Amino acid sequence: MAETRTTKQAQDPRAAVTAAVGDRLGNTIKRAEQALIARKTQAMRQFDLTVPQYSVLLLLSLFPGGMSAAQLARESMVTPQTMSTVLANLEKHGLMEREPSPLHQKVIVNKLTRAGRAVLKKADKEAVRVEDGLRAEFTPEEFEQFENYLERAIEKLNETR
């Protein structure tokens, strides 16, 4: 049996990784996140959006007064450099616009355009469809428990900072 496993691992390097870290909780969480992002990436392609671009459009829709690039980067959990690229691409496609903040002359506020709202409306339906497809794999009780477990994990990990 051990010989078979070793032979498989030699043929498929991913098998060795899975054997080494497959039962680690962090690996399982990361694989679930990657699978969800892959599904959303596929769904966003029809709108010529990336998942980070979709996320920014969604955030901007929640803050009609706009948000700075720094705020968007923090909320999206990406670096300021990555956010700069995301915003430049959205602006280039006319989905958002930048204007000086009325509160601080050095701050630029990012806002959705009418075209951005229209794309977001369609893209969000697809994102929700992906999430609802995942939710459908669980009974309502299981899903509530699943969410509670995730929230508890987040709380625990945040308290140890």
C-alpha atoms as a PDB file:
ATOM      1  CA  MET A   1       0.000   0.000   0.000  1.00  0.00           C
ATOM      2  CA  ALA A   2       2.810   2.416   0.925  1.00  0.00           C
ATOM      3  CA  GLU A   3       4.539   1.633  -2.383  1.00  0.00           C
ATOM      4  CA  THR A   4       1.388   2.483  -4.322  1.00  0.00           C
ATOM      5  CA  ARG A   5       0.998   5.785  -2.485  1.00  0.00           C
ATOM      6  CA  THR A   6       4.672   6.662  -3.097  1.00  0.00           C
ATOM      7  CA  THR A   7       4.360   5.800  -6.786  1.00  0.00           C
ATOM      8  CA  LYS A   8       1.230   7.958  -7.102  1.00  0.00           C
ATOM      9  CA  GLN A   9       2.969  10.831  -5.337  1.00  0.00           C
ATOM     10  CA  ALA A  10       5.936  10.578  -7.717  1.00  0.00           C
ATOM     11  CA  GLN A  11       3.570  10.710 -10.693  1.00  0.00           C
ATOM     12  CA  ASP A  12       1.481  13.590  -9.341  1.00  0.00           C
ATOM     13  CA  PRO A  13       3.338  16.152  -7.209  1.00  0.00           C
ATOM     14  CA  ARG A  14      -0.009  17.499  -5.955  1.00  0.00           C
ATOM     15  CA  ALA A  15      -0.700  14.109  -4.388  1.00  0.00           C
ATOM     16  CA  ALA A  16       2.384  14.564  -2.191  1.00  0.00           C
ATOM     17  CA  VAL A  17       1.181  18.009  -1.120  1.00  0.00           C
ATOM     18  CA  THR A  18      -2.315  16.705  -0.409  1.00  0.00           C
ATOM     19  CA  ALA A  19      -0.865  13.808   1.582  1.00  0.00           C
ATOM     20  CA  ALA A  20       1.326  16.190   3.585  1.00  0.00           C
ATOM     21  CA  VAL A  21      -1.167  18.974   4.308  1.00  0.00           C
ATOM     22  CA  GLY A  22      -4.533  17.590   3.230  1.00  0.00           C
ATOM     23  CA  ASP A  23      -5.790  17.180   6.772  1.00  0.00           C
ATOM     24  CA  ARG A  24      -4.689  20.653   7.911  1.00  0.00           C
ATOM     25  CA  LEU A  25      -7.628  22.968   8.617  1.00  0.00           C
ATOM     26  CA  GLY A  26      -5.973  25.969   6.951  1.00  0.00           C
ATOM     27  CA  ASN A  27      -5.518  23.971   3.758  1.00  0.00           C
ATOM     28  CA  THR A  28      -9.170  22.919   3.726  1.00  0.00           C
ATOM     29  CA  ILE A  29     -10.354  26.503   4.271  1.00  0.00           C
ATOM     30  CA  LYS A  30      -8.031  27.769   1.509  1.00  0.00           C
ATOM     31  CA  ARG A  31      -9.260  25.115  -0.928  1.00  0.00           C
ATOM     32  CA  ALA A  32     -12.879  26.081  -0.212  1.00  0.00           C
ATOM     33  CA  GLU A  33     -12.054  29.765  -0.736  1.00  0.00           C
ATOM     34  CA  GLN A  34     -10.253  29.010  -3.997  1.00  0.00           C
ATOM     35  CA  ALA A  35     -13.153  26.905  -5.267  1.00  0.00           C
ATOM     36  CA  LEU A  36     -15.609  29.721  -4.488  1.00  0.00           C
ATOM     37  CA  ILE A  37     -13.407  32.348  -6.135  1.00  0.00           C
ATOM     38  CA  ALA A  38     -12.965  30.114  -9.196  1.00  0.00           C
ATOM     39  CA  ARG A  39     -16.748  29.802  -9.550  1.00  0.00           C
ATOM     40  CA  LYS A  40     -17.224  33.558  -9.130  1.00  0.00           C
ATOM     41  CA  THR A  41     -14.402  34.240 -11.594  1.00  0.00           C
ATOM     42  CA  GLN A  42     -16.196  32.105 -14.145  1.00  0.00           C
ATOM     43  CA  ALA A  43     -19.487  33.910 -13.461  1.00  0.00           C
ATOM     44  CA  MET A  44     -17.891  37.377 -13.744  1.00  0.00           C
ATOM     45  CA  ARG A  45     -16.248  36.698 -17.115  1.00  0.00           C
ATOM     46  CA  GLN A  46     -19.461  37.404 -18.993  1.00  0.00           C
ATOM     47  CA  PHE A  47     -19.353  40.949 -17.591  1.00  0.00           C
ATOM     48  CA  ASP A  48     -15.630  41.365 -18.322  1.00  0.00           C
ATOM     49  CA  LEU A  49     -15.004  41.712 -14.578  1.00  0.00           C
ATOM     50  CA  THR A  50     -12.588  40.096 -12.180  1.00  0.00           C
ATOM     51  CA  VAL A  51     -13.762  39.111  -8.699  1.00  0.00           C
ATOM     52  CA  PRO A  52     -11.829  42.012  -7.115  1.00  0.00           C
ATOM     53  CA  GLN A  53     -13.442  44.441  -9.579  1.00  0.00           C
ATOM     54  CA  TYR A  54     -16.874  43.050  -8.765  1.00  0.00           C
ATOM     55  CA  SER A  55     -16.112  43.421  -5.042  1.00  0.00           C
ATOM     56  CA  VAL A  56     -15.150  47.069  -5.512  1.00  0.00           C
ATOM     57  CA  LEU A  57     -18.320  47.797  -7.473  1.00  0.00           C
ATOM     58  CA  LEU A  58     -20.351  46.147  -4.721  1.00  0.00           C
ATOM     59  CA  LEU A  59     -18.601  48.166  -2.000  1.00  0.00           C
ATOM     60  CA  LEU A  60     -19.070  51.419  -3.918  1.00  0.00           C
ATOM     61  CA  SER A  61     -22.770  50.652  -4.290  1.00  0.00           C
ATOM     62  CA  LEU A  62     -23.030  50.462  -0.503  1.00  0.00           C
ATOM     63  CA  PHE A  63     -21.373  53.868  -0.062  1.00  0.00           C
ATOM     64  CA  PRO A  64     -23.024  56.306  -2.498  1.00  0.00           C
ATOM     65  CA  GLY A  65     -20.787  59.113  -1.196  1.00  0.00           C
ATOM     66  CA  GLY A  66     -17.815  57.153  -2.483  1.00  0.00           C
ATOM     67  CA  MET A  67     -14.758  55.607  -0.882  1.00  0.00           C
ATOM     68  CA  SER A  68     -11.047  56.303  -1.030  1.00  0.00           C
ATOM     69  CA  ALA A  69      -8.652  53.786  -2.537  1.00  0.00           C
ATOM     70  CA  ALA A  70      -7.240  53.144   0.950  1.00  0.00           C
ATOM     71  CA  GLN A  71     -10.713  52.358   2.331  1.00  0.00           C
ATOM     72  CA  LEU A  72     -11.442  50.058  -0.597  1.00  0.00           C
ATOM     73  CA  ALA A  73      -8.111  48.255  -0.191  1.00  0.00           C
ATOM     74  CA  ARG A  74      -8.766  47.656   3.530  1.00  0.00           C
ATOM     75  CA  GLU A  75     -12.324  46.441   2.956  1.00  0.00           C
ATOM     76  CA  SER A  76     -11.263  44.220   0.053  1.00  0.00           C
ATOM     77  CA  MET A  77      -8.220  42.900   1.936  1.00  0.00           C
ATOM     78  CA  VAL A  78      -5.804  43.702  -0.890  1.00  0.00           C
ATOM     79  CA  THR A  79      -2.704  45.853  -1.055  1.00  0.00           C
ATOM     80  CA  PRO A  80      -2.972  49.528  -2.054  1.00  0.00           C
ATOM     81  CA  GLN A  81      -0.992  48.679  -5.212  1.00  0.00           C
ATOM     82  CA  THR A  82      -3.493  45.986  -6.200  1.00  0.00           C
ATOM     83  CA  MET A  83      -6.398  48.347  -5.507  1.00  0.00           C
ATOM     84  CA  SER A  84      -4.777  51.000  -7.674  1.00  0.00           C
ATOM     85  CA  THR A  85      -4.757  48.554 -10.606  1.00  0.00           C
ATOM     86  CA  VAL A  86      -8.345  47.456  -9.968  1.00  0.00           C
ATOM     87  CA  LEU A  87      -9.549  51.069  -9.850  1.00  0.00           C
ATOM     88  CA  ALA A  88      -7.613  52.065 -12.976  1.00  0.00           C
ATOM     89  CA  ASN A  89      -9.237  49.223 -14.918  1.00  0.00           C
ATOM     90  CA  LEU A  90     -12.727  50.052 -13.659  1.00  0.00           C
ATOM     91  CA  GLU A  91     -12.241  53.722 -14.513  1.00  0.00           C
ATOM     92  CA  LYS A  92     -10.873  52.842 -17.970  1.00  0.00           C
ATOM     93  CA  HIS A  93     -14.111  50.918 -18.666  1.00  0.00           C
ATOM     94  CA  GLY A  94     -16.279  53.762 -17.377  1.00  0.00           C
ATOM     95  CA  LEU A  95     -17.636  51.777 -14.410  1.00  0.00           C
ATOM     96  CA  MET A  96     -16.399  54.194 -11.760  1.00  0.00           C
ATOM     97  CA  GLU A  97     -15.076  57.708 -11.574  1.00  0.00           C
ATOM     98  CA  ARG A  98     -12.710  59.565  -9.295  1.00  0.00           C
ATOM     99  CA  GLU A  99     -13.209  63.019  -7.873  1.00  0.00           C
ATOM    100  CA  PRO A 100     -11.623  65.107  -5.135  1.00  0.00           C
ATOM    101  CA  SER A 101     -13.081  64.627  -1.667  1.00  0.00           C
ATOM    102  CA  PRO A 102     -15.164  67.516  -0.393  1.00  0.00           C
ATOM    103  CA  LEU A 103     -13.639  66.845   3.061  1.00  0.00           C
ATOM    104  CA  HIS A 104      -9.930  66.645   2.273  1.00  0.00           C
ATOM    105  CA  GLN A 105      -8.116  68.086  -0.727  1.00  0.00           C
ATOM    106  CA  LYS A 106      -5.550  65.269  -0.965  1.00  0.00           C
ATOM    107  CA  VAL A 107      -8.118  62.439  -0.897  1.00  0.00           C
ATOM    108  CA  ILE A 108      -9.657  61.118  -4.093  1.00  0.00           C
ATOM    109  CA  VAL A 109     -13.114  59.582  -3.783  1.00  0.00           C
ATOM    110  CA  ASN A 110     -14.163  56.719  -6.037  1.00  0.00           C
ATOM    111  CA  LYS A 111     -17.812  56.472  -7.073  1.00  0.00           C
ATOM    112  CA  LEU A 112     -19.889  54.223  -9.280  1.00  0.00           C
ATOM    113  CA  THR A 113     -21.029  55.549 -12.624  1.00  0.00           C
ATOM    114  CA  ARG A 114     -24.428  54.765 -14.109  1.00  0.00           C
ATOM    115  CA  ALA A 115     -22.719  52.131 -16.294  1.00  0.00           C
ATOM    116  CA  GLY A 116     -21.060  50.675 -13.183  1.00  0.00           C
ATOM    117  CA  ARG A 117     -24.406  50.355 -11.445  1.00  0.00           C
ATOM    118  CA  ALA A 118     -25.910  48.640 -14.482  1.00  0.00           C
ATOM    119  CA  VAL A 119     -23.063  46.103 -14.736  1.00  0.00           C
ATOM    120  CA  LEU A 120     -23.115  45.525 -10.988  1.00  0.00           C
ATOM    121  CA  LYS A 121     -26.837  44.792 -11.021  1.00  0.00           C
ATOM    122  CA  LYS A 122     -26.311  41.957 -13.517  1.00  0.00           C
ATOM    123  CA  ALA A 123     -23.029  40.715 -12.030  1.00  0.00           C
ATOM    124  CA  ASP A 124     -24.457  40.634  -8.527  1.00  0.00           C
ATOM    125  CA  LYS A 125     -27.282  38.375  -9.674  1.00  0.00           C
ATOM    126  CA  GLU A 126     -24.659  35.917 -10.929  1.00  0.00           C
ATOM    127  CA  ALA A 127     -22.585  36.151  -7.735  1.00  0.00           C
ATOM    128  CA  VAL A 128     -25.692  35.477  -5.653  1.00  0.00           C
ATOM    129  CA  ARG A 129     -26.544  32.556  -7.950  1.00  0.00           C
ATOM    130  CA  VAL A 130     -23.112  31.034  -7.245  1.00  0.00           C
ATOM    131  CA  GLU A 131     -23.516  31.542  -3.491  1.00  0.00           C
ATOM    132  CA  ASP A 132     -27.073  30.200  -3.534  1.00  0.00           C
ATOM    133  CA  GLY A 133     -25.828  27.113  -5.379  1.00  0.00           C
ATOM    134  CA  LEU A 134     -23.419  26.467  -2.540  1.00  0.00           C
ATOM    135  CA  ARG A 135     -26.083  27.188   0.078  1.00  0.00           C
ATOM    136  CA  ALA A 136     -28.383  24.649  -1.603  1.00  0.00           C
ATOM    137  CA  GLU A 137     -25.918  21.880  -0.709  1.00  0.00           C
ATOM    138  CA  PHE A 138     -26.880  22.315   2.945  1.00  0.00           C
ATOM    139  CA  THR A 139     -30.134  22.068   4.837  1.00  0.00           C
ATOM    140  CA  PRO A 140     -31.118  25.393   6.430  1.00  0.00           C
ATOM    141  CA  GLU A 141     -29.984  24.049   9.812  1.00  0.00           C
ATOM    142  CA  GLU A 142     -26.656  22.838   8.422  1.00  0.00           C
ATOM    143  CA  PHE A 143     -26.036  26.159   6.702  1.00  0.00           C
ATOM    144  CA  GLU A 144     -26.768  28.115   9.865  1.00  0.00           C
ATOM    145  CA  GLN A 145     -24.382  25.858  11.775  1.00  0.00           C
ATOM    146  CA  PHE A 146     -21.763  26.200   9.003  1.00  0.00           C
ATOM    147  CA  GLU A 147     -21.964  30.006   9.165  1.00  0.00           C
ATOM    148  CA  ASN A 148     -21.752  29.890  12.961  1.00  0.00           C
ATOM    149  CA  TYR A 149     -18.624  27.743  12.770  1.00  0.00           C
ATOM    150  CA  LEU A 150     -17.007  30.131  10.302  1.00  0.00           C
ATOM    151  CA  GLU A 151     -17.892  33.178  12.416  1.00  0.00           C
ATOM    152  CA  ARG A 152     -16.515  31.468  15.512  1.00  0.00           C
ATOM    153  CA  ALA A 153     -13.288  30.669  13.671  1.00  0.00           C
ATOM    154  CA  ILE A 154     -12.975  34.281  12.492  1.00  0.00           C
ATOM    155  CA  GLU A 155     -13.601  35.565  16.017  1.00  0.00           C
ATOM    156  CA  LYS A 156     -11.012  33.210  17.490  1.00  0.00           C
ATOM    157  CA  LEU A 157      -8.376  34.036  14.908  1.00  0.00           C
ATOM    158  CA  ASN A 158      -8.941  37.779  15.291  1.00  0.00           C
ATOM    159  CA  GLU A 159      -8.623  37.657  19.084  1.00  0.00           C
ATOM    160  CA  THR A 160      -5.106  36.228  18.931  1.00  0.00           C
ATOM    161  CA  ARG A 161      -3.640  39.175  17.028  1.00  0.00           C
END
